[in-house]
Structure formats: structure tokens, C-alpha cells
Amino acid sequence: MAFHDIRFPANLSFGSVGGPERRTEIVALTNGFEERNTPWAHSRRRYDAGMGLRSLDDMARLLDFFEARQGQLHGFRWKDWSDYKSCPPTRAPQFGDQVIGAGDGVTTAFRLQKSYVSGPARYDRPIVKPVVDTVRVGISGVELFQGISYTVDHEAGIVTLASPPESGAIITAGFEFDVPVRFDTDRIAVSVASFKAGELPQVPVIEVRV
């Protein structure tokens, strides 16, 4: 799949509607109980880019972006305003926000991830599109310096340390991130008259695996 490492205009995605979806297979048994299973290890996000449009100029920018991606052909970055940080929305990312691994004396590469915890349950979401110049990394409570102690692959979400942490050392990170997506349609239908009347086109966007 072709992926363009460019972000959908953030001011247009602000106000969009969307979020994660899961796929759960449910079998109802004859005794009234259910068996539930899922083929997906990770959730997949969907959005409607049309909800963020506020003017005809916004519509023109959307059409430029849509045509440059050739509809569904090329993926791109999307800022999910409801979930784009390693920390709560009102805070700035800190190097201790998320645990991304533990040292074994050998490994130097660690994938960024964000953990969602509720009660005894936990979901670790891989982060593959961190935002440039937002990633902060630490080891056992001490912040490291990017470019000296570690580097970041912003196209894959991998942090590579200059030297392997000692066994048992906890590696943490804070960051902002985008969602890799594509348009989920090859057609955008809009009427200038209806747009001025407040009717917005539907522009579905769906997360892709990269």
C-alpha cells in the first residue's frame, strides 16, 4: 500500500466525528449463554472528515487533498483530536507517560505504544506514526537526549537507543501521534447550494494497518 507521509489539515479534522471500532463474533447457544470471540487484536478507527468543514474554502482544501491522494489509493496521517497524546488531553507529553519496554542488556529498539487500562483489563495500542519533535524517552526515571541517547523512526514508531539498557531497566516515552488512514470512498458529492444551507458531504476515513 502506498502511504503519503502527510497529515490531513488538522483544522479540518477538528470537529470530525469518529473513533475506534471492534469486531466481535457472537454465537448464541441453545442454553441461552453466548460465546464471544474476536479476530482482531487491535481496534480500527473510522472518521467522517466532512463534519469538520466550515466554509467553501475548507471544501476546496479537502478536494485538493482528496485528489492528491487519488481517492482511496494513498494513505495519509490523521489527527484524532479526541486521542492524540500519550497522556490525558489537558497535559503535555512527558517522558514517563507510557512504558514501552524493559531492558535485557541486548535490545536497543523499542516500539512506541499507548496503554488503555480499566480495572484488571489492559489494551496496548501500537503507535506507528508519532509526530516529529514530540517524542521524549527515559530510562528508569531519567530522561534521555534525542540525537545523542536515542533516535526515532517517525514512519514506523520505533525508538532506537544508542546502547542497550541494563537488564530490568524500564524504558518509558511520551509523545503525540497521528493515525494512519485512507479515504473510504472514491467519490465526494457536494452541492454549493446545499453546503451554504448547512448540509455537509459525507467523507468517510478509515484506519489502515502499516
Protein backbone atom coordinates (compact mmCIF):
# COMPACT_ATOMS: atom_id res chain seq x y z
CA MET A 1 0.00 0.00 0.00
CA ALA A 2 1.27 3.48 -0.88
CA PHE A 3 1.40 5.85 2.06
CA HIS A 4 1.96 9.61 1.83
CA ASP A 5 3.61 10.87 5.00
CA ILE A 6 1.47 13.99 5.13
CA ARG A 7 -1.20 14.97 7.63
CA PHE A 8 -4.77 15.80 6.68
CA PRO A 9 -5.22 19.51 7.56
CA ALA A 10 -5.66 19.49 11.34
CA ASN A 11 -8.09 22.40 11.34
CA LEU A 12 -10.37 20.40 9.02
CA SER A 13 -10.24 17.24 11.14
CA PHE A 14 -11.19 19.30 14.23
CA GLY A 15 -14.90 18.76 14.70
CA SER A 16 -14.98 15.48 12.80
CA VAL A 17 -16.87 12.51 14.22
CA GLY A 18 -15.26 9.13 14.77
CA GLY A 19 -13.41 6.73 16.99
CA PRO A 20 -12.41 3.09 17.49
CA GLU A 21 -14.40 0.07 16.42
CA ARG A 22 -14.01 -3.60 17.30
CA ARG A 23 -15.18 -6.77 15.58
CA THR A 24 -16.78 -9.27 17.91
CA GLU A 25 -18.18 -12.59 16.74
CA ILE A 26 -21.08 -13.75 18.94
CA VAL A 27 -22.64 -17.20 18.90
CA ALA A 28 -25.87 -17.67 20.86
CA LEU A 29 -26.03 -21.17 22.37
CA THR A 30 -29.21 -23.16 22.80
CA ASN A 31 -28.98 -22.84 26.58
CA GLY A 32 -29.07 -19.03 26.37
CA PHE A 33 -25.40 -18.46 27.00
CA GLU A 34 -23.10 -16.80 24.46
CA GLU A 35 -19.65 -17.48 23.10
CA ARG A 36 -17.79 -14.32 22.13
CA ASN A 37 -14.55 -14.06 20.20
CA THR A 38 -12.70 -11.52 18.07
CA PRO A 39 -10.42 -11.98 15.06
CA TRP A 40 -8.89 -8.53 15.67
CA ALA A 41 -6.03 -7.99 18.11
CA HIS A 42 -6.32 -4.21 17.63
CA SER A 43 -9.21 -1.82 17.15
CA ARG A 44 -9.70 0.10 13.92
CA ARG A 45 -10.77 3.73 13.75
CA ARG A 46 -13.26 5.41 11.46
CA TYR A 47 -13.97 9.11 10.98
CA ASP A 48 -16.12 11.44 8.89
CA ALA A 49 -13.92 14.22 7.52
CA GLY A 50 -16.95 16.11 6.22
CA MET A 51 -18.04 17.09 9.74
CA GLY A 52 -15.03 19.40 10.16
CA LEU A 53 -15.82 21.60 7.15
CA ARG A 54 -16.99 25.14 7.85
CA SER A 55 -16.68 27.04 4.59
CA LEU A 56 -16.35 26.64 0.83
CA ASP A 57 -12.62 27.32 1.23
CA ASP A 58 -12.46 24.32 3.55
CA MET A 59 -14.25 22.28 0.91
CA ALA A 60 -11.68 23.35 -1.68
CA ARG A 61 -8.81 22.29 0.60
CA LEU A 62 -10.48 18.91 1.14
CA LEU A 63 -10.87 18.40 -2.61
CA ASP A 64 -7.19 19.28 -3.16
CA PHE A 65 -6.17 16.73 -0.54
CA PHE A 66 -8.57 14.08 -1.87
CA GLU A 67 -7.36 14.44 -5.45
CA ALA A 68 -3.69 14.40 -4.41
CA ARG A 69 -4.29 11.09 -2.60
CA GLN A 70 -6.22 9.76 -5.62
CA GLY A 71 -9.19 8.82 -3.50
CA GLN A 72 -8.63 5.55 -1.65
CA LEU A 73 -5.29 4.81 -3.32
CA HIS A 74 -2.85 6.50 -0.92
CA GLY A 75 -2.89 6.57 2.86
CA PHE A 76 -2.09 9.61 4.99
CA ARG A 77 -1.83 10.87 8.57
CA TRP A 78 -4.90 11.92 10.54
CA LYS A 79 -5.02 13.83 13.83
CA ASP A 80 -7.66 12.34 16.10
CA TRP A 81 -8.40 15.30 18.35
CA SER A 82 -10.00 13.04 20.98
CA ASP A 83 -6.90 10.81 21.31
CA TYR A 84 -3.54 12.05 20.04
CA LYS A 85 -1.29 12.12 23.11
CA SER A 86 0.46 9.63 25.39
CA CYS A 87 -1.13 11.48 28.33
CA PRO A 88 -4.53 12.98 29.21
CA PRO A 89 -5.72 15.62 26.70
CA THR A 90 -5.16 18.56 29.06
CA ARG A 91 -1.48 17.69 29.73
CA ALA A 92 1.70 17.95 27.70
CA PRO A 93 3.51 14.66 27.00
CA GLN A 94 6.24 13.72 29.50
CA PHE A 95 8.97 11.11 29.11
CA GLY A 96 7.41 8.89 31.77
CA ASP A 97 3.89 8.69 30.30
CA GLN A 98 3.99 5.18 28.82
CA VAL A 99 6.09 2.08 29.45
CA ILE A 100 7.38 0.83 26.09
CA GLY A 101 9.70 -1.94 27.22
CA ALA A 102 12.23 -3.34 29.67
CA GLY A 103 15.97 -3.72 29.21
CA ASP A 104 17.59 -7.10 28.69
CA GLY A 105 21.15 -5.93 28.10
CA VAL A 106 20.85 -6.61 24.35
CA THR A 107 17.80 -4.99 22.78
CA THR A 108 18.07 -1.36 21.63
CA ALA A 109 14.90 -0.92 19.51
CA PHE A 110 11.51 -0.41 21.19
CA ARG A 111 8.12 0.27 19.62
CA LEU A 112 6.05 3.16 20.91
CA GLN A 113 2.74 2.14 22.41
CA LYS A 114 -0.13 3.59 24.40
CA SER A 115 -1.84 1.56 27.12
CA TYR A 116 -5.55 1.78 27.89
CA VAL A 117 -6.31 0.46 31.37
CA SER A 118 -9.65 -0.05 33.10
CA GLY A 119 -9.86 -2.24 36.19
CA PRO A 120 -7.99 -5.52 35.59
CA ALA A 121 -8.15 -5.17 31.78
CA ARG A 122 -5.46 -3.59 29.62
CA TYR A 123 -5.01 -2.90 25.92
CA ASP A 124 -1.62 -1.93 24.44
CA ARG A 125 -2.03 0.02 21.20
CA PRO A 126 0.97 0.16 18.84
CA ILE A 127 1.83 3.72 17.80
CA VAL A 128 3.25 3.80 14.28
CA LYS A 129 3.02 7.48 13.33
CA PRO A 130 4.48 9.68 16.11
CA VAL A 131 4.63 13.41 15.44
CA VAL A 132 8.09 14.80 14.72
CA ASP A 133 9.80 16.58 17.64
CA THR A 134 7.24 15.40 20.23
CA VAL A 135 8.82 12.10 21.35
CA ARG A 136 10.52 12.11 24.76
CA VAL A 137 12.22 9.00 26.16
CA GLY A 138 13.52 7.98 29.57
CA ILE A 139 15.10 5.01 31.31
CA SER A 140 14.23 4.20 34.93
CA GLY A 141 13.06 7.75 35.64
CA VAL A 142 15.89 9.61 33.88
CA GLU A 143 15.15 11.50 30.66
CA LEU A 144 17.41 10.93 27.67
CA PHE A 145 18.52 13.36 24.96
CA GLN A 146 17.27 12.74 21.42
CA GLY A 147 20.01 12.55 18.83
CA ILE A 148 22.56 11.59 21.48
CA SER A 149 21.00 8.79 23.51
CA TYR A 150 18.29 7.71 21.06
CA THR A 151 16.76 8.24 17.62
CA VAL A 152 13.15 7.98 16.47
CA ASP A 153 11.77 6.43 13.29
CA HIS A 154 8.72 8.66 12.78
CA GLU A 155 7.41 6.49 9.94
CA ALA A 156 7.33 3.28 11.98
CA GLY A 157 7.12 4.39 15.62
CA ILE A 158 10.40 2.78 16.65
CA VAL A 159 12.77 4.26 19.25
CA THR A 160 16.37 3.08 18.93
CA LEU A 161 18.67 3.63 21.90
CA ALA A 162 22.37 4.33 21.44
CA SER A 163 23.22 1.45 23.79
CA PRO A 164 21.17 -1.42 25.24
CA PRO A 165 19.64 -0.69 28.66
CA GLU A 166 20.75 -2.92 31.50
CA SER A 167 18.56 -5.87 32.38
CA GLY A 168 15.38 -4.83 34.17
CA ALA A 169 15.62 -1.12 33.30
CA ILE A 170 12.21 0.35 32.42
CA ILE A 171 12.01 2.32 29.17
CA THR A 172 9.30 4.97 29.02
CA ALA A 173 8.15 7.53 26.47
CA GLY A 174 5.80 10.44 25.93
CA PHE A 175 4.64 11.66 22.53
CA GLU A 176 1.95 12.97 20.23
CA PHE A 177 0.83 10.74 17.38
CA ASP A 178 -1.28 10.54 14.23
CA VAL A 179 -3.46 7.71 12.92
CA PRO A 180 -2.56 6.15 9.54
CA VAL A 181 -5.73 6.29 7.43
CA ARG A 182 -7.12 6.42 3.90
CA PHE A 183 -10.32 7.75 2.40
CA ASP A 184 -13.02 5.08 2.45
CA THR A 185 -14.61 6.34 -0.76
CA ASP A 186 -13.57 7.18 -4.30
CA ARG A 187 -16.32 9.76 -4.66
CA ILE A 188 -17.15 13.06 -2.99
CA ALA A 189 -20.54 14.62 -3.80
CA VAL A 190 -21.13 18.23 -2.79
CA SER A 191 -23.52 20.95 -3.86
CA VAL A 192 -22.53 24.57 -3.31
CA ALA A 193 -26.15 25.45 -2.63
CA SER A 194 -26.65 22.71 -0.06
CA PHE A 195 -23.27 23.46 1.54
CA LYS A 196 -24.30 27.09 2.11
CA ALA A 197 -27.51 25.78 3.63
CA GLY A 198 -25.55 23.79 6.18
CA GLU A 199 -25.62 20.34 4.61
CA LEU A 200 -22.18 18.74 4.77
CA PRO A 201 -20.88 15.98 2.48
CA GLN A 202 -20.03 12.61 3.97
CA VAL A 203 -16.29 11.91 3.62
CA PRO A 204 -15.53 8.59 5.36
CA VAL A 205 -11.96 7.93 6.52
CA ILE A 206 -10.73 4.58 7.85
CA GLU A 207 -7.58 3.48 9.68
CA VAL A 208 -5.13 1.28 7.77
CA ARG A 209 -2.54 -1.22 9.01
CA VAL A 210 1.00 -0.17 8.16
